[in-house]
Amino acid sequence: MEDALPALDVDVDPRLLEILVCPLTRGPLEYDREKAELVSRSARLAYPIRDGVPIMLPEEARELGEGE
């Protein structure tokens, strides 16, 4: 049984990525297009993007697994 979600075709404006930072660490974010998330390596969190809008709330973020 496969648990992976289908890839979402969500685009994020590159200018937005230049100014957004992790709300916890103020560190940079990486865009994961396949999972439609903004990833903070320093906080080990992935913030979801819903309907093209980044949800920058720590309580909405997913914790990164060991291999991520």
Protein backbone atom coordinates (compact mmCIF):
# COMPACT_ATOMS: atom_id res chain seq x y z
CA MET A 1 0.00 0.00 0.00
CA GLU A 2 1.45 3.33 -1.07
CA ASP A 3 1.03 6.28 1.32
CA ALA A 4 2.61 8.92 -0.92
CA LEU A 5 0.40 11.78 -2.00
CA PRO A 6 0.30 12.67 -5.68
CA ALA A 7 2.56 15.56 -6.64
CA LEU A 8 0.80 18.90 -6.46
CA ASP A 9 1.46 21.45 -9.16
CA VAL A 10 1.88 24.51 -6.97
CA ASP A 11 4.08 27.38 -8.02
CA VAL A 12 5.51 29.86 -5.56
CA ASP A 13 6.69 33.26 -6.71
CA PRO A 14 10.51 33.26 -6.51
CA ARG A 15 10.41 36.80 -5.10
CA LEU A 16 8.28 35.52 -2.23
CA LEU A 17 10.85 32.81 -1.49
CA GLU A 18 13.54 35.48 -1.24
CA ILE A 19 11.76 37.28 1.60
CA LEU A 20 10.10 34.42 3.51
CA VAL A 21 12.00 32.95 6.46
CA CYS A 22 11.20 30.32 9.06
CA PRO A 23 9.11 31.98 11.79
CA LEU A 24 10.99 30.06 14.50
CA THR A 25 14.62 30.33 13.43
CA ARG A 26 14.50 33.23 10.94
CA GLY A 27 16.51 30.92 8.70
CA PRO A 28 16.08 30.34 4.96
CA LEU A 29 13.41 28.11 3.45
CA GLU A 30 13.69 25.63 0.60
CA TYR A 31 10.79 25.04 -1.77
CA ASP A 32 9.78 21.38 -2.20
CA ARG A 33 7.52 21.50 -5.24
CA GLU A 34 6.69 17.78 -5.16
CA LYS A 35 5.29 17.99 -1.62
CA ALA A 36 4.05 21.61 -1.89
CA GLU A 37 5.99 22.64 1.20
CA LEU A 38 8.51 25.21 2.35
CA VAL A 39 11.23 23.42 4.29
CA SER A 40 13.20 24.86 7.18
CA ARG A 41 16.26 22.65 7.67
CA SER A 42 17.28 24.56 10.81
CA ALA A 43 13.90 24.01 12.52
CA ARG A 44 13.41 20.55 10.93
CA LEU A 45 9.91 21.60 9.83
CA ALA A 46 8.01 21.68 6.54
CA TYR A 47 5.35 24.37 6.17
CA PRO A 48 2.46 23.46 3.84
CA ILE A 49 1.37 25.49 0.84
CA ARG A 50 -2.39 25.45 0.43
CA ASP A 51 -4.05 26.96 -2.63
CA GLY A 52 -0.79 28.75 -3.41
CA VAL A 53 -0.54 30.30 0.07
CA PRO A 54 2.31 29.31 2.42
CA ILE A 55 0.96 28.49 5.87
CA MET A 56 3.77 29.78 8.08
CA LEU A 57 2.40 28.59 11.42
CA PRO A 58 4.61 26.19 13.40
CA GLU A 59 1.53 24.30 14.62
CA GLU A 60 0.57 23.60 10.98
CA ALA A 61 4.07 22.44 10.01
CA ARG A 62 5.15 18.84 9.59
CA GLU A 63 8.26 17.61 11.40
CA LEU A 64 10.92 16.35 9.03
CA GLY A 65 11.82 12.68 9.23
CA GLU A 66 15.32 11.30 9.67
CA GLY A 67 16.12 11.09 5.94
CA GLU A 68 14.67 14.45 5.00
